[in-house]
Protein backbone atom coordinates (compact mmCIF):
# COMPACT_ATOMS: atom_id res chain seq x y z
CA UNK A 1 135.57 141.70 118.11
CA UNK A 2 136.92 139.30 120.74
CA UNK A 3 138.36 136.10 119.34
CA UNK A 4 136.94 132.79 120.52
CA UNK A 5 138.73 129.81 118.99
CA UNK A 6 137.86 127.11 121.53
CA UNK A 7 135.92 125.01 119.04
CA UNK A 8 138.81 124.25 116.70
CA UNK A 9 141.47 123.61 119.33
CA UNK A 10 139.51 121.16 121.46
CA UNK A 11 140.90 117.65 121.73
CA UNK A 12 139.50 115.85 118.70
CA UNK A 13 139.44 112.07 118.85
CA UNK A 14 138.16 111.54 115.34
CA UNK A 15 139.61 112.08 111.88
CA UNK A 16 139.67 115.39 110.01
CA UNK A 17 138.51 115.75 106.40
CA UNK A 18 142.06 115.50 105.05
CA UNK A 19 142.98 112.56 107.30
CA UNK A 20 139.85 110.67 106.25
CA UNK A 21 140.44 111.32 102.54
CA UNK A 22 144.09 110.30 102.90
CA UNK A 23 143.03 107.03 104.54
CA UNK A 24 140.47 106.29 101.83
CA UNK A 25 142.99 106.95 99.06
CA UNK A 26 145.27 104.26 100.53
CA UNK A 27 142.61 101.58 99.99
CA UNK A 28 143.18 99.29 97.04
CA UNK A 29 140.43 96.72 96.65
CA UNK A 30 137.13 97.08 98.57
CA UNK A 31 137.09 94.37 101.25
CA UNK A 32 135.03 96.06 103.98
CA UNK A 33 132.30 98.68 104.27
CA UNK A 34 133.02 102.12 105.71
CA UNK A 35 130.73 104.26 107.86
CA UNK A 36 131.16 107.98 108.53
CA UNK A 37 129.69 109.14 111.83
CA UNK A 38 129.23 112.88 112.42
CA UNK A 39 126.82 115.70 113.24
CA UNK A 40 124.79 117.27 110.46
CA UNK A 41 126.39 119.70 107.98
CA UNK A 42 129.93 118.37 108.43
CA UNK A 43 130.58 117.37 104.81
CA UNK A 44 130.12 113.59 104.93
CA UNK A 45 128.51 113.41 101.48
CA UNK A 46 131.01 115.87 100.02
CA UNK A 47 133.91 113.71 101.19
CA UNK A 48 132.56 110.52 99.60
CA UNK A 49 131.84 112.37 96.36
CA UNK A 50 135.39 113.76 96.30
CA UNK A 51 136.81 110.25 96.89
CA UNK A 52 134.75 108.93 93.97
CA UNK A 53 135.90 111.78 91.73
CA UNK A 54 139.58 111.35 92.60
CA UNK A 55 139.42 107.61 91.95
CA UNK A 56 137.28 108.07 88.81
CA UNK A 57 134.51 105.88 90.27
CA UNK A 58 130.84 105.81 89.27
CA UNK A 59 128.87 107.29 92.18
CA UNK A 60 125.52 105.90 93.42
CA UNK A 61 123.87 108.15 96.00
CA UNK A 62 121.20 106.21 97.90
CA UNK A 63 119.56 108.43 100.54
CA UNK A 64 117.90 105.80 102.67
CA UNK A 65 115.75 108.23 104.64
CA UNK A 66 113.75 108.70 101.41
CA UNK A 67 113.68 105.06 100.31
CA UNK A 68 111.52 101.97 100.70
CA UNK A 69 112.73 98.40 101.07
CA UNK A 70 112.09 97.67 97.39
CA UNK A 71 114.55 100.39 96.38
CA UNK A 72 117.33 98.34 98.00
CA UNK A 73 116.39 94.66 97.85
CA UNK A 74 114.52 94.98 94.58
CA UNK A 75 110.92 94.36 93.58
CA UNK A 76 109.19 90.93 93.71
CA UNK A 77 108.59 89.21 90.40
CA UNK A 78 107.14 85.81 89.46
CA UNK A 79 108.84 84.22 86.45
CA UNK A 80 107.07 82.23 83.74
CA UNK A 81 108.12 78.98 85.47
CA UNK A 82 106.59 80.19 88.77
CA UNK A 83 109.85 81.09 90.48
CA UNK A 84 109.71 84.06 92.88
CA UNK A 85 112.64 86.47 92.43
CA UNK A 86 113.52 90.07 93.15
CA UNK A 87 114.39 92.46 90.33
CA UNK A 88 117.00 94.99 91.50
CA UNK A 89 115.88 98.61 91.22
CA UNK A 90 117.49 100.98 88.72
CA UNK A 91 118.97 102.85 91.68
CA UNK A 92 121.11 100.05 93.03
CA UNK A 93 121.53 97.79 89.99
CA UNK A 94 124.75 99.43 88.64
CA UNK A 95 126.60 98.29 91.79
CA UNK A 96 125.98 94.65 90.77
CA UNK A 97 126.90 94.98 87.11
CA UNK A 98 130.20 95.52 85.23
CA UNK A 99 131.86 98.89 85.84
CA UNK A 100 130.37 101.52 83.53
CA UNK A 101 132.51 102.56 80.58
CA UNK A 102 135.09 105.28 81.30
CA UNK A 103 135.08 104.56 85.06
CA UNK A 104 137.57 102.59 87.18
CA UNK A 105 135.15 101.39 89.84
CA UNK A 106 131.93 102.11 91.73
CA UNK A 107 130.99 103.81 94.99
CA UNK A 108 127.70 102.72 96.57
CA UNK A 109 126.80 105.32 99.19
CA UNK A 110 124.05 104.63 101.74
CA UNK A 111 123.43 108.12 103.11
CA UNK A 112 121.22 108.74 106.16
CA UNK A 113 121.49 105.06 107.14
CA UNK A 114 120.01 105.55 110.59
CA UNK A 115 117.18 107.71 109.25
CA UNK A 116 115.86 104.73 107.29
CA UNK A 117 113.04 102.48 108.47
CA UNK A 118 113.99 99.19 110.11
CA UNK A 119 112.84 97.30 107.00
CA UNK A 120 115.19 99.33 104.80
CA UNK A 121 118.09 98.92 107.25
CA UNK A 122 117.49 95.16 107.23
CA UNK A 123 117.78 95.16 103.43
CA UNK A 124 121.10 97.02 103.65
CA UNK A 125 122.62 94.26 105.78
CA UNK A 126 123.39 91.96 102.86
CA UNK A 127 125.37 94.32 100.59
CA UNK A 128 127.18 95.88 103.56
CA UNK A 129 128.08 92.61 105.27
CA UNK A 130 128.21 89.98 102.54
CA UNK A 131 128.68 92.14 99.41
CA UNK A 132 125.71 90.41 97.78
CA UNK A 133 122.00 91.04 97.21
CA UNK A 134 119.62 88.12 96.74
CA UNK A 135 122.74 86.02 96.13
CA UNK A 136 124.00 88.32 93.35
CA UNK A 137 127.55 89.59 94.13
CA UNK A 138 128.53 93.25 94.12
CA UNK A 139 130.94 94.44 91.46
CA UNK A 140 134.39 93.47 92.79
CA UNK A 141 135.51 97.11 92.45
CA UNK A 142 132.53 98.53 94.36
CA UNK A 143 133.23 100.40 97.61
CA UNK A 144 130.31 100.51 100.06
CA UNK A 145 129.93 103.59 102.27
CA UNK A 146 127.33 104.67 104.80
CA UNK A 147 126.83 107.91 106.72
CA UNK A 148 124.94 108.51 109.94
CA UNK A 149 124.21 111.24 112.49
CA UNK A 150 125.51 109.84 115.74
CA UNK A 151 123.55 111.46 118.60
CA UNK A 152 120.31 109.64 119.46
CA UNK A 153 119.31 112.43 121.86
CA UNK A 154 119.72 115.09 119.17
CA UNK A 155 118.38 113.51 115.99
CA UNK A 156 115.26 111.60 114.94
CA UNK A 157 117.09 108.43 114.00
CA UNK A 158 116.79 104.66 114.31
CA UNK A 159 119.19 102.91 116.66
CA UNK A 160 121.36 100.58 114.61
CA UNK A 161 121.76 96.89 115.31
CA UNK A 162 125.23 96.23 116.81
CA UNK A 163 125.62 93.32 114.39
CA UNK A 164 125.46 95.82 111.53
CA UNK A 165 127.71 98.47 113.06
CA UNK A 166 130.49 96.05 114.03
CA UNK A 167 130.89 94.95 110.42
CA UNK A 168 131.81 98.49 109.33
CA UNK A 169 135.05 100.39 109.59
CA UNK A 170 133.51 103.27 111.58
CA UNK A 171 135.17 106.67 111.20
CA UNK A 172 134.37 109.38 113.73
CA UNK A 173 134.38 112.20 111.19
CA UNK A 174 135.48 115.59 112.57
CA UNK A 175 136.53 117.98 109.79
CA UNK A 176 138.14 121.06 111.31
CA UNK A 177 136.83 124.58 110.89
CA UNK A 178 140.17 125.50 109.31
CA UNK A 179 139.62 122.86 106.60
CA UNK A 180 136.11 124.19 105.95
CA UNK A 181 137.32 127.80 105.71
CA UNK A 182 140.12 126.79 103.35
CA UNK A 183 137.56 125.01 101.17
CA UNK A 184 135.38 128.13 101.21
CA UNK A 185 138.27 130.39 100.23
CA UNK A 186 139.57 128.06 97.51
CA UNK A 187 136.20 127.40 95.89
CA UNK A 188 134.57 130.76 96.57
CA UNK A 189 131.65 128.93 98.19
CA UNK A 190 131.85 131.03 101.37
CA UNK A 191 131.33 134.80 101.23
CA UNK A 192 134.37 136.86 102.38
CA UNK A 193 132.26 138.34 105.18
CA UNK A 194 131.43 134.87 106.51
CA UNK A 195 135.08 133.82 106.39
CA UNK A 196 136.06 137.06 108.14
CA UNK A 197 133.53 136.35 110.91
CA UNK A 198 134.33 132.67 111.45
CA UNK A 199 138.08 133.27 111.56
CA UNK A 200 137.41 135.68 114.42
CA UNK A 201 134.56 133.72 116.07
CA UNK A 202 135.31 130.09 115.30
CA UNK A 203 132.64 128.87 117.74
CA UNK A 204 129.97 130.18 115.34
CA UNK A 205 130.87 127.63 112.65
CA UNK A 206 128.99 124.83 114.43
CA UNK A 207 126.11 124.54 116.91
CA UNK A 208 127.07 125.16 120.52
CA UNK A 209 128.34 121.98 122.19
CA UNK A 210 125.62 122.22 124.85
CA UNK A 211 122.80 123.20 122.49
CA UNK A 212 119.53 121.48 123.38
CA UNK A 213 117.06 119.94 120.94
CA UNK A 214 114.80 123.01 120.95
CA UNK A 215 117.69 125.24 119.83
CA UNK A 216 118.66 122.86 117.04
CA UNK A 217 115.14 122.74 115.58
CA UNK A 218 115.31 126.53 115.04
CA UNK A 219 117.64 128.35 112.60
CA UNK A 220 121.11 128.02 114.12
CA UNK A 221 124.72 128.48 112.99
CA UNK A 222 126.21 125.45 111.24
CA UNK A 223 128.43 125.00 108.22
CA UNK A 224 125.57 124.19 105.86
CA UNK A 225 123.51 127.24 106.88
CA UNK A 226 126.54 129.57 106.52
CA UNK A 227 127.16 128.07 103.08
CA UNK A 228 123.54 128.64 102.01
CA UNK A 229 123.60 132.20 103.34
CA UNK A 230 126.88 132.83 101.50
CA UNK A 231 125.29 131.71 98.23
CA UNK A 232 122.38 134.10 98.81
CA UNK A 233 124.70 136.97 99.74
CA UNK A 234 126.90 136.54 96.67
CA UNK A 235 123.95 136.32 94.28
CA UNK A 236 122.34 139.46 95.71
CA UNK A 237 125.41 141.49 96.55
CA UNK A 238 124.88 145.19 95.88
CA UNK A 239 121.16 144.82 95.17
CA UNK A 240 119.78 144.63 98.73
CA UNK A 241 120.21 146.86 101.79
CA UNK A 242 122.49 145.92 104.69
CA UNK A 243 119.39 145.79 106.91
CA UNK A 244 117.87 143.14 104.64
CA UNK A 245 121.15 141.22 104.65
CA UNK A 246 120.92 140.94 108.46
CA UNK A 247 117.27 139.88 108.37
CA UNK A 248 118.03 137.16 105.81
CA UNK A 249 121.10 136.07 107.77
CA UNK A 250 118.88 135.45 110.81
CA UNK A 251 116.65 133.21 108.68
CA UNK A 252 119.63 130.93 108.01
CA UNK A 253 121.69 131.04 111.23
CA UNK A 254 119.36 132.50 113.86
CA UNK A 255 119.16 135.97 115.44
CA UNK A 256 122.10 135.59 117.84
CA UNK A 257 124.62 134.65 115.14
CA UNK A 258 123.12 137.26 112.79
CA UNK A 259 123.74 140.03 115.35
CA UNK A 260 127.40 139.04 115.64
CA UNK A 261 127.62 138.79 111.86
CA UNK A 262 126.30 142.37 111.64
CA UNK A 263 129.24 143.63 113.74
CA UNK A 264 131.74 141.74 111.59
CA UNK A 265 130.01 142.88 108.40
CA UNK A 266 130.41 146.52 109.42
CA UNK A 267 133.98 146.09 110.72
CA UNK A 268 135.31 144.44 107.62
CA UNK A 269 133.53 146.67 105.10
CA UNK A 270 136.46 149.00 104.47
CA UNK A 271 139.37 146.76 105.43
CA UNK A 272 138.19 143.87 103.28
CA UNK A 273 137.97 146.05 100.18
CA UNK A 274 141.69 146.74 100.29
CA UNK A 275 142.40 143.12 101.19
CA UNK A 276 140.26 141.82 98.34
CA UNK A 277 142.00 144.15 95.90
CA UNK A 278 145.40 142.78 96.91
CA UNK A 279 144.05 139.23 96.94
CA UNK A 280 142.77 139.59 93.39
CA UNK A 281 146.16 140.86 92.22
CA UNK A 282 147.91 137.93 93.91
CA UNK A 283 145.41 135.48 92.44
CA UNK A 284 145.98 136.79 88.92
CA UNK A 285 149.76 136.62 89.40
CA UNK A 286 149.60 132.97 90.46
CA UNK A 287 147.13 132.08 87.70
CA UNK A 288 149.62 133.53 85.21
CA UNK A 289 152.45 131.41 86.67
CA UNK A 290 150.33 128.26 86.56
CA UNK A 291 149.35 128.99 82.97
CA UNK A 292 152.82 129.88 81.67
CA UNK A 293 154.72 127.06 83.37
CA UNK A 294 152.32 124.15 83.94
CA UNK A 295 149.64 124.57 81.28
CA UNK A 296 150.96 126.34 78.17
CA UNK A 297 154.59 125.46 79.08
CA UNK A 298 155.87 128.78 77.74
CA UNK A 299 158.28 129.24 80.65
CA UNK A 300 161.44 127.27 81.34
CA UNK A 301 162.32 126.24 84.90
CA UNK A 302 164.86 129.10 84.96
CA UNK A 303 162.11 131.64 84.29
CA UNK A 304 159.91 129.99 86.91
CA UNK A 305 162.68 130.17 89.50
CA UNK A 306 163.08 133.90 88.90
CA UNK A 307 159.33 134.48 89.23
CA UNK A 308 158.97 132.35 92.38
CA UNK A 309 161.79 134.22 94.09
CA UNK A 310 159.77 137.43 93.70
CA UNK A 311 156.68 136.04 95.49
CA UNK A 312 155.79 137.22 98.98
CA UNK A 313 154.63 134.83 101.73
CA UNK A 314 150.90 134.91 100.89
CA UNK A 315 151.65 134.51 97.18
CA UNK A 316 153.84 131.50 97.92
CA UNK A 317 151.01 129.94 99.93
CA UNK A 318 148.61 130.54 97.06
CA UNK A 319 151.10 129.09 94.58
CA UNK A 320 151.53 126.00 96.75
CA UNK A 321 147.75 125.50 97.00
CA UNK A 322 147.38 125.97 93.24
CA UNK A 323 150.03 123.34 92.48
CA UNK A 324 148.39 120.86 94.89
CA UNK A 325 144.92 121.41 93.39
CA UNK A 326 146.32 121.18 89.84
CA UNK A 327 148.01 117.81 90.42
CA UNK A 328 145.34 116.24 92.63
CA UNK A 329 142.76 116.95 89.94
CA UNK A 330 144.56 114.68 87.45
CA UNK A 331 142.95 111.29 86.82
CA UNK A 332 145.70 110.27 84.41
CA UNK A 333 148.96 112.16 84.96
CA UNK A 334 150.39 113.41 81.67
CA UNK A 335 154.06 113.17 80.74
CA UNK A 336 154.28 116.95 80.64
CA UNK A 337 152.89 117.24 84.19
CA UNK A 338 155.47 114.75 85.44
CA UNK A 339 158.30 116.70 83.81
CA UNK A 340 157.08 120.00 85.22
CA UNK A 341 156.86 118.61 88.76
CA UNK A 342 160.41 117.26 88.46
CA UNK A 343 161.62 120.69 87.32
CA UNK A 344 159.77 122.34 90.23
CA UNK A 345 161.54 120.00 92.66
CA UNK A 346 164.87 120.99 91.17
CA UNK A 347 164.41 124.75 91.56
CA UNK A 348 162.22 125.16 94.69
CA UNK A 349 163.27 125.05 98.34
CA UNK A 350 163.03 121.57 99.97
CA UNK A 351 160.53 122.68 102.65
CA UNK A 352 158.26 124.11 99.96
CA UNK A 353 158.35 120.85 98.00
CA UNK A 354 157.76 118.76 101.17
CA UNK A 355 154.67 120.80 101.93
CA UNK A 356 153.28 120.14 98.45
CA UNK A 357 154.24 116.46 98.49
CA UNK A 358 152.47 115.83 101.82
CA UNK A 359 149.16 117.04 100.32
CA UNK A 360 149.27 115.05 97.07
CA UNK A 361 147.13 111.94 96.78
CA UNK A 362 148.81 108.55 97.01
CA UNK A 363 147.87 107.83 93.39
CA UNK A 364 149.65 110.96 92.14
CA UNK A 365 152.72 110.27 94.32
CA UNK A 366 152.94 106.71 92.97
CA UNK A 367 152.78 107.94 89.37
CA UNK A 368 155.56 110.48 90.00
CA UNK A 369 157.74 107.92 91.77
CA UNK A 370 157.24 105.45 88.92
CA UNK A 371 158.28 108.19 86.49
CA UNK A 372 161.46 109.20 88.39
CA UNK A 373 162.10 107.31 91.63
CA UNK A 374 165.45 108.99 92.18
CA UNK A 375 163.91 112.47 92.29
CA UNK A 376 160.67 111.79 94.11
CA UNK A 377 161.70 109.08 96.58
CA UNK A 378 164.02 111.57 98.24
CA UNK A 379 161.17 113.88 99.27
CA UNK A 380 160.49 113.13 102.94
């Protein structure tokens, strides 16, 4: 197959997934609302959910395209003394109350903002601009996010009032294909055949730049459709014929992309088996290292050093990714985890440590620096 990587090397003016997440993790107290602007199937919702998880925040997902004004502003109610008030709906009420137990804050996410009716958008003004609703203030630790599709010629959306947009920090969200593929490999959410294809034909990850509206209302290649097809393929692997695989693929990504997928599917059949066998061995080796050194703490740093020196390049990359995922998943960094990271710094090569350090969240870095500033402040 002929490689075509134009999509991922074009001049991007926006922020990638990692850049956006890194920016969000630098925010301390919520003082402004944030809007993500991107095409469909780019991972806007996934990013906000990951931010909430990393910060241990209670997540409120308010899909405005499915909501009425009362779901946001609340429902009218006449009190016993004839006062007219609005009672906040169960959906939005937690954002105006004390932080739920076991959480450190709240994320209020207005998804599909410009798919809402004008009445609903009008109701959103107050919490987004003034951090109140009917005079009731938002929780002081509540971040307000919104997400929109940004092309009025491509989507059935409502044009937003400039007065609303200018009060947001607007992020042009452009996660790279490489980030998406890495997510698919790490989580197993993308089938190996799909990853094999997209690495070779990167332009098939997203709709064609010049695709017209008629093309986009039919099955077409995009990250969400490849993800859905991957889920189907993995669940039915070995139980359906290759011909049926191609027919189903066309239902998700269209006939053109399915034809190209068929070529890749046949090309990688034998080569990927050997690759997957090696990959599984490498994965088990790294899982053993992570378990013996970081989790069960059976190994000393001397033993770890000996084992790391035996790793090949791909195993080192997998080890690095595993360490990053292990530490970034901590909500409260344990003393043992701090000690183990210090020992890793002492035995690993500086460039290896720098690569890990650059991918850790600010919260994790701060905890490590507070634990041992002399060791961790020197990582640049």
